Amino acid sequence: MTGSGGGRAIGDEWPAEIDTSVAHPARVYDYYLGGVTNFEVDRVAAEHAAAVHPGGLETVRAGVRSNRAFLVRAVQWLAGEAGVRQFLDIGSGIPSSDDVHATAQRTAPDCRIVYVDNDPIVLAHAHELSSTPEGAVESIQGDLRDPDSILERASATLDLRRPVAVMLVGILHFFPPADDPYGIVRRLLAAVPSGSYLVVGHLASDIHAEEMAEVARRFTEMTNERWVLRSNAEVARFFDGLHLVEPGVVQIDQWRPLDGPEPVLPPEGRVNPLHVGVARKP
């Protein structure tokens, strides 16, 4: 069994390719959310990084819950006011009760959602996802470094001739300049029509700068994934050529806080160190 602090038993239920000796961002995030689909190595990494912040684990969990609240607000707005019926959520993570499909289909039951993640444990939970009869939910294993493969497989569920909301919430900070993240985003958006949307949530380099640099260093060391922080201006570059939805690219708790779940403020009046934005393809 896994150690104290939650988690699932390690056994035949997990796909053989899951490496339980190295922390994985999806499982670390699950631990921060209070989930149980994580291993001792993930919890050690999560707590080691959280120790950098005043308030420790409580501070980080506030930021993670605020990130999830933003995702819900954005999806509610997209499925409601914007009328979007298709969502491509890349870097979706381990399923939880307020995922994209649950949020979107509460607003519009005919929404179709494709989840993409590179952690096989996420796919192991795909059977837990249920859709409304009018809509559809599918999960595929894929890597954002190969957007063409993702688009090809997603097209089995999504009609890429109709608007799609491309969700990149909490994934682009794993992509250093050498991976050309701006080019990857352009390739994704080139494949979807006018009226599609891009949603980005990204760890900030210009909020609690010294703390966040140390957090990124620790996570890079413990997950074998390079964590790259970006400033507000650098995050805004992902939206070049698009029409930003008000209030633009902002600190996460400032994005339409009255349109859904309220932001989860960190202890001691601190600011959650994430930049977010939503924009429409003209």
Protein backbone atom coordinates (compact mmCIF):
# COMPACT_ATOMS: atom_id res chain seq x y z
CA MET A 1 0.00 0.00 0.00
CA THR A 2 0.99 3.61 -0.35
CA GLY A 3 2.13 5.50 2.72
CA SER A 4 0.18 7.86 4.92
CA GLY A 5 -1.58 10.89 3.51
CA GLY A 6 -3.93 9.19 1.05
CA GLY A 7 -3.30 7.34 -2.18
CA ARG A 8 -4.31 4.14 -3.85
CA ALA A 9 -2.90 0.66 -3.50
CA ILE A 10 -0.18 -0.23 -5.97
CA GLY A 11 -1.23 -3.38 -7.71
CA ASP A 12 -2.75 -4.94 -10.80
CA GLU A 13 -5.27 -2.10 -11.20
CA TRP A 14 -2.54 0.26 -12.44
CA PRO A 15 -1.15 0.04 -15.98
CA ALA A 16 2.29 -1.56 -16.00
CA GLU A 17 3.93 1.50 -17.60
CA ILE A 18 3.25 3.75 -14.60
CA ASP A 19 6.55 4.69 -12.96
CA THR A 20 5.93 4.99 -9.23
CA SER A 21 9.54 5.92 -8.51
CA VAL A 22 9.30 9.43 -10.01
CA ALA A 23 6.74 12.09 -9.13
CA HIS A 24 4.34 13.05 -11.93
CA PRO A 25 2.70 16.49 -12.17
CA ALA A 26 -0.82 15.07 -12.64
CA ARG A 27 -0.53 13.04 -9.44
CA VAL A 28 1.10 15.92 -7.52
CA TYR A 29 -1.81 18.12 -8.58
CA ASP A 30 -4.25 15.43 -7.48
CA TYR A 31 -2.63 15.39 -4.04
CA TYR A 32 -2.87 19.16 -3.76
CA LEU A 33 -6.58 18.90 -4.63
CA GLY A 34 -7.04 16.37 -1.83
CA GLY A 35 -7.39 13.40 -4.20
CA VAL A 36 -6.31 9.84 -3.56
CA THR A 37 -4.78 8.89 -6.92
CA ASN A 38 -1.17 9.53 -5.99
CA PHE A 39 1.87 7.75 -4.60
CA GLU A 40 4.34 8.43 -1.82
CA VAL A 41 6.83 9.93 -4.29
CA ASP A 42 4.19 12.43 -5.45
CA ARG A 43 3.34 13.50 -1.91
CA VAL A 44 7.01 13.93 -1.00
CA ALA A 45 7.56 16.16 -4.05
CA ALA A 46 4.39 18.14 -3.35
CA GLU A 47 5.30 18.83 0.27
CA HIS A 48 8.95 19.58 -0.55
CA ALA A 49 7.88 22.28 -3.02
CA ALA A 50 5.13 23.61 -0.75
CA ALA A 51 7.62 24.15 2.08
CA VAL A 52 9.05 27.12 0.16
CA HIS A 53 5.90 29.19 0.71
CA PRO A 54 4.80 30.89 3.92
CA GLY A 55 1.82 28.82 4.96
CA GLY A 56 3.25 25.73 3.25
CA LEU A 57 0.77 23.17 1.97
CA GLU A 58 -2.23 25.34 2.84
CA THR A 59 -0.92 28.15 0.62
CA VAL A 60 -0.33 25.85 -2.36
CA ARG A 61 -3.66 24.11 -2.00
CA ALA A 62 -5.41 27.49 -2.07
CA GLY A 63 -3.69 28.23 -5.37
CA VAL A 64 -4.63 24.85 -6.82
CA ARG A 65 -8.27 25.23 -5.76
CA SER A 66 -8.29 28.74 -7.22
CA ASN A 67 -6.96 27.27 -10.48
CA ARG A 68 -9.80 24.75 -10.51
CA ALA A 69 -12.34 27.51 -9.75
CA PHE A 70 -11.00 29.50 -12.73
CA LEU A 71 -11.38 26.47 -14.99
CA VAL A 72 -15.00 26.07 -13.90
CA ARG A 73 -15.74 29.78 -14.43
CA ALA A 74 -14.14 29.72 -17.88
CA VAL A 75 -16.01 26.59 -18.99
CA GLN A 76 -19.33 27.91 -17.66
CA TRP A 77 -18.79 31.13 -19.61
CA LEU A 78 -17.75 29.29 -22.78
CA ALA A 79 -20.64 26.81 -22.73
CA GLY A 80 -23.09 29.50 -21.67
CA GLU A 81 -22.53 33.02 -22.99
CA ALA A 82 -20.10 32.04 -25.77
CA GLY A 83 -22.16 29.04 -26.94
CA VAL A 84 -19.22 26.66 -27.31
CA ARG A 85 -20.16 22.97 -27.52
CA GLN A 86 -16.75 21.33 -28.01
CA PHE A 87 -13.78 21.26 -25.64
CA LEU A 88 -10.25 19.89 -26.10
CA ASP A 89 -8.64 19.76 -22.65
CA ILE A 90 -4.91 19.03 -22.96
CA GLY A 91 -3.11 18.18 -19.74
CA SER A 92 -6.43 17.31 -18.17
CA GLY A 93 -5.09 15.46 -15.14
CA ILE A 94 -6.85 12.89 -12.98
CA PRO A 95 -10.67 13.12 -13.04
CA SER A 96 -12.47 15.02 -10.29
CA SER A 97 -16.03 16.16 -9.65
CA ASP A 98 -15.71 19.57 -11.32
CA ASP A 99 -13.92 18.64 -14.54
CA VAL A 100 -14.58 20.25 -17.91
CA HIS A 101 -17.20 17.75 -19.06
CA ALA A 102 -19.24 17.89 -15.85
CA THR A 103 -19.19 21.69 -15.87
CA ALA A 104 -19.90 22.07 -19.58
CA GLN A 105 -22.67 19.49 -19.72
CA ARG A 106 -24.44 21.01 -16.72
CA THR A 107 -24.71 24.17 -18.79
CA ALA A 108 -25.33 22.51 -22.18
CA PRO A 109 -25.92 18.74 -22.17
CA ASP A 110 -24.89 18.35 -25.82
CA CYS A 111 -21.26 19.40 -25.18
CA ARG A 112 -18.54 17.10 -26.48
CA ILE A 113 -15.23 16.87 -24.61
CA VAL A 114 -11.90 15.21 -25.34
CA TYR A 115 -9.36 14.92 -22.53
CA VAL A 116 -5.66 14.49 -23.29
CA ASP A 117 -2.88 13.57 -20.86
CA ASN A 118 0.48 11.82 -21.04
CA ASP A 119 0.20 10.03 -17.68
CA PRO A 120 -1.20 6.49 -18.16
CA ILE A 121 -2.80 6.65 -14.71
CA VAL A 122 -5.15 9.31 -16.09
CA LEU A 123 -6.26 6.93 -18.83
CA ALA A 124 -6.72 4.20 -16.23
CA HIS A 125 -9.49 6.36 -14.76
CA ALA A 126 -11.18 7.10 -18.09
CA HIS A 127 -13.85 4.49 -17.36
CA GLU A 128 -15.05 6.67 -14.48
CA LEU A 129 -16.13 9.45 -16.83
CA SER A 130 -19.77 9.54 -17.82
CA SER A 131 -21.48 11.70 -20.40
CA THR A 132 -24.98 12.96 -20.92
CA PRO A 133 -26.88 11.07 -23.64
CA GLU A 134 -26.79 14.18 -25.84
CA GLY A 135 -23.05 14.76 -25.50
CA ALA A 136 -19.81 12.80 -25.52
CA VAL A 137 -16.66 12.40 -23.41
CA GLU A 138 -13.45 10.72 -24.56
CA SER A 139 -9.95 10.42 -23.10
CA ILE A 140 -6.80 9.89 -25.14
CA GLN A 141 -3.16 9.53 -24.20
CA GLY A 142 -1.08 12.15 -25.93
CA ASP A 143 1.74 14.66 -25.58
CA LEU A 144 1.36 18.34 -26.38
CA ARG A 145 4.74 18.16 -28.13
CA ASP A 146 2.89 16.27 -30.89
CA PRO A 147 -0.19 18.43 -31.48
CA ASP A 148 -0.91 16.91 -34.89
CA SER A 149 -1.40 13.46 -33.35
CA ILE A 150 -3.69 14.92 -30.68
CA LEU A 151 -5.80 16.70 -33.28
CA GLU A 152 -6.07 13.61 -35.47
CA ARG A 153 -7.28 11.42 -32.60
CA ALA A 154 -9.54 14.10 -31.13
CA SER A 155 -11.30 14.45 -34.49
CA ALA A 156 -12.96 11.08 -33.88
CA THR A 157 -15.08 12.82 -31.22
CA LEU A 158 -14.90 16.51 -32.11
CA ASP A 159 -15.91 18.14 -35.39
CA LEU A 160 -12.91 20.37 -36.04
CA ARG A 161 -14.90 22.30 -38.65
CA ARG A 162 -16.93 23.77 -35.78
CA PRO A 163 -15.65 25.96 -32.90
CA VAL A 164 -13.58 24.25 -30.21
CA ALA A 165 -12.36 25.57 -26.88
CA VAL A 166 -8.71 24.53 -26.57
CA MET A 167 -7.95 24.27 -22.85
CA LEU A 168 -4.29 24.60 -21.80
CA VAL A 169 -4.69 25.13 -18.08
CA GLY A 170 -1.62 24.22 -16.05
CA ILE A 171 0.42 22.61 -18.83
CA LEU A 172 2.40 25.23 -20.74
CA HIS A 173 4.76 25.81 -17.80
CA PHE A 174 6.23 22.38 -18.58
CA PHE A 175 7.45 23.63 -21.96
CA PRO A 176 10.82 25.44 -22.15
CA PRO A 177 11.63 27.68 -25.12
CA ALA A 178 13.40 24.80 -26.87
CA ASP A 179 10.04 23.04 -27.20
CA ASP A 180 8.59 26.10 -28.98
CA PRO A 181 5.40 26.34 -26.90
CA TYR A 182 4.22 29.41 -28.82
CA GLY A 183 4.55 27.49 -32.07
CA ILE A 184 2.67 24.52 -30.61
CA VAL A 185 -0.23 26.77 -29.62
CA ARG A 186 -0.29 28.30 -33.12
CA ARG A 187 -0.46 24.81 -34.65
CA LEU A 188 -3.40 23.87 -32.44
CA LEU A 189 -5.30 27.05 -33.26
CA ALA A 190 -4.57 26.72 -36.99
CA ALA A 191 -6.53 23.45 -36.95
CA VAL A 192 -9.74 24.92 -35.49
CA PRO A 193 -12.08 27.42 -37.14
CA SER A 194 -13.03 31.00 -36.46
CA GLY A 195 -15.08 31.26 -33.28
CA SER A 196 -12.86 28.82 -31.41
CA TYR A 197 -11.31 29.80 -28.09
CA LEU A 198 -8.00 29.40 -26.29
CA VAL A 199 -7.91 29.11 -22.49
CA VAL A 200 -4.52 29.35 -20.73
CA GLY A 201 -3.54 29.10 -17.08
CA HIS A 202 0.17 29.45 -16.31
CA LEU A 203 2.44 29.70 -13.26
CA ALA A 204 3.81 33.22 -12.88
CA SER A 205 7.42 34.36 -12.74
CA ASP A 206 6.52 37.90 -11.65
CA ILE A 207 4.40 37.09 -8.55
CA HIS A 208 6.39 35.98 -5.47
CA ALA A 209 9.29 35.74 -7.90
CA GLU A 210 11.99 34.30 -5.63
CA GLU A 211 9.68 31.76 -4.01
CA MET A 212 8.30 30.60 -7.34
CA ALA A 213 11.77 30.23 -8.84
CA GLU A 214 12.70 27.90 -5.98
CA VAL A 215 9.41 25.99 -6.35
CA ALA A 216 10.14 25.50 -10.05
CA ARG A 217 13.67 24.32 -9.26
CA ARG A 218 12.43 21.77 -6.73
CA PHE A 219 9.71 20.44 -9.00
CA THR A 220 12.11 20.19 -11.94
CA GLU A 221 14.48 18.19 -9.74
CA MET A 222 11.83 15.80 -8.42
CA THR A 223 9.54 15.23 -11.42
CA ASN A 224 12.00 15.04 -14.32
CA GLU A 225 9.87 17.73 -15.96
CA ARG A 226 11.32 21.19 -16.47
CA TRP A 227 9.04 23.79 -14.87
CA VAL A 228 9.24 27.16 -16.66
CA LEU A 229 7.63 30.24 -15.12
CA ARG A 230 6.47 33.13 -17.33
CA SER A 231 5.54 36.75 -16.78
CA ASN A 232 2.18 38.28 -17.60
CA ALA A 233 3.60 39.63 -20.87
CA GLU A 234 5.03 36.22 -21.79
CA VAL A 235 1.70 34.50 -21.10
CA ALA A 236 -0.08 37.17 -23.16
CA ARG A 237 2.05 36.15 -26.17
CA PHE A 238 0.12 32.87 -26.38
CA PHE A 239 -2.91 34.96 -27.39
CA ASP A 240 -1.24 36.85 -30.24
CA GLY A 241 -3.71 37.31 -33.09
CA LEU A 242 -6.73 36.43 -30.93
CA HIS A 243 -9.44 38.61 -29.39
CA LEU A 244 -9.06 38.55 -25.62
CA VAL A 245 -12.17 38.16 -23.50
CA GLU A 246 -12.43 40.79 -20.77
CA PRO A 247 -10.61 41.33 -18.44
CA GLY A 248 -7.69 40.06 -20.56
CA VAL A 249 -4.61 38.27 -19.22
CA VAL A 250 -4.76 38.76 -15.48
CA GLN A 251 -3.81 37.26 -12.15
CA ILE A 252 -6.07 34.25 -11.72
CA ASP A 253 -8.39 35.59 -9.03
CA GLN A 254 -9.19 38.64 -11.16
CA TRP A 255 -10.74 36.68 -14.03
CA ARG A 256 -14.54 37.12 -13.82
CA PRO A 257 -14.80 36.20 -10.13
CA LEU A 258 -18.58 36.73 -10.13
CA ASP A 259 -19.25 34.33 -13.03
CA GLY A 260 -18.92 31.07 -11.07
CA PRO A 261 -17.04 29.61 -8.13
CA GLU A 262 -15.33 32.30 -6.12
CA PRO A 263 -11.52 32.39 -6.11
CA VAL A 264 -9.86 30.59 -3.20
CA LEU A 265 -7.62 33.16 -1.57
CA PRO A 266 -4.37 31.99 0.00
CA PRO A 267 -3.49 32.56 3.67
CA GLU A 268 -2.41 35.95 4.94
CA GLY A 269 -3.91 37.82 2.02
CA ARG A 270 -1.27 36.53 -0.42
CA VAL A 271 -1.81 36.45 -4.18
CA ASN A 272 -2.09 33.15 -6.06
CA PRO A 273 0.86 33.12 -8.52
CA LEU A 274 -0.90 32.28 -11.77
CA HIS A 275 -1.75 34.23 -14.92
CA VAL A 276 -4.82 33.28 -16.94
CA GLY A 277 -6.71 34.37 -20.03
CA VAL A 278 -9.40 33.40 -22.51
CA ALA A 279 -9.46 34.57 -26.15
CA ARG A 280 -11.47 34.02 -29.34
CA LYS A 281 -10.06 33.16 -32.73
CA PRO A 282 -11.34 35.75 -35.22
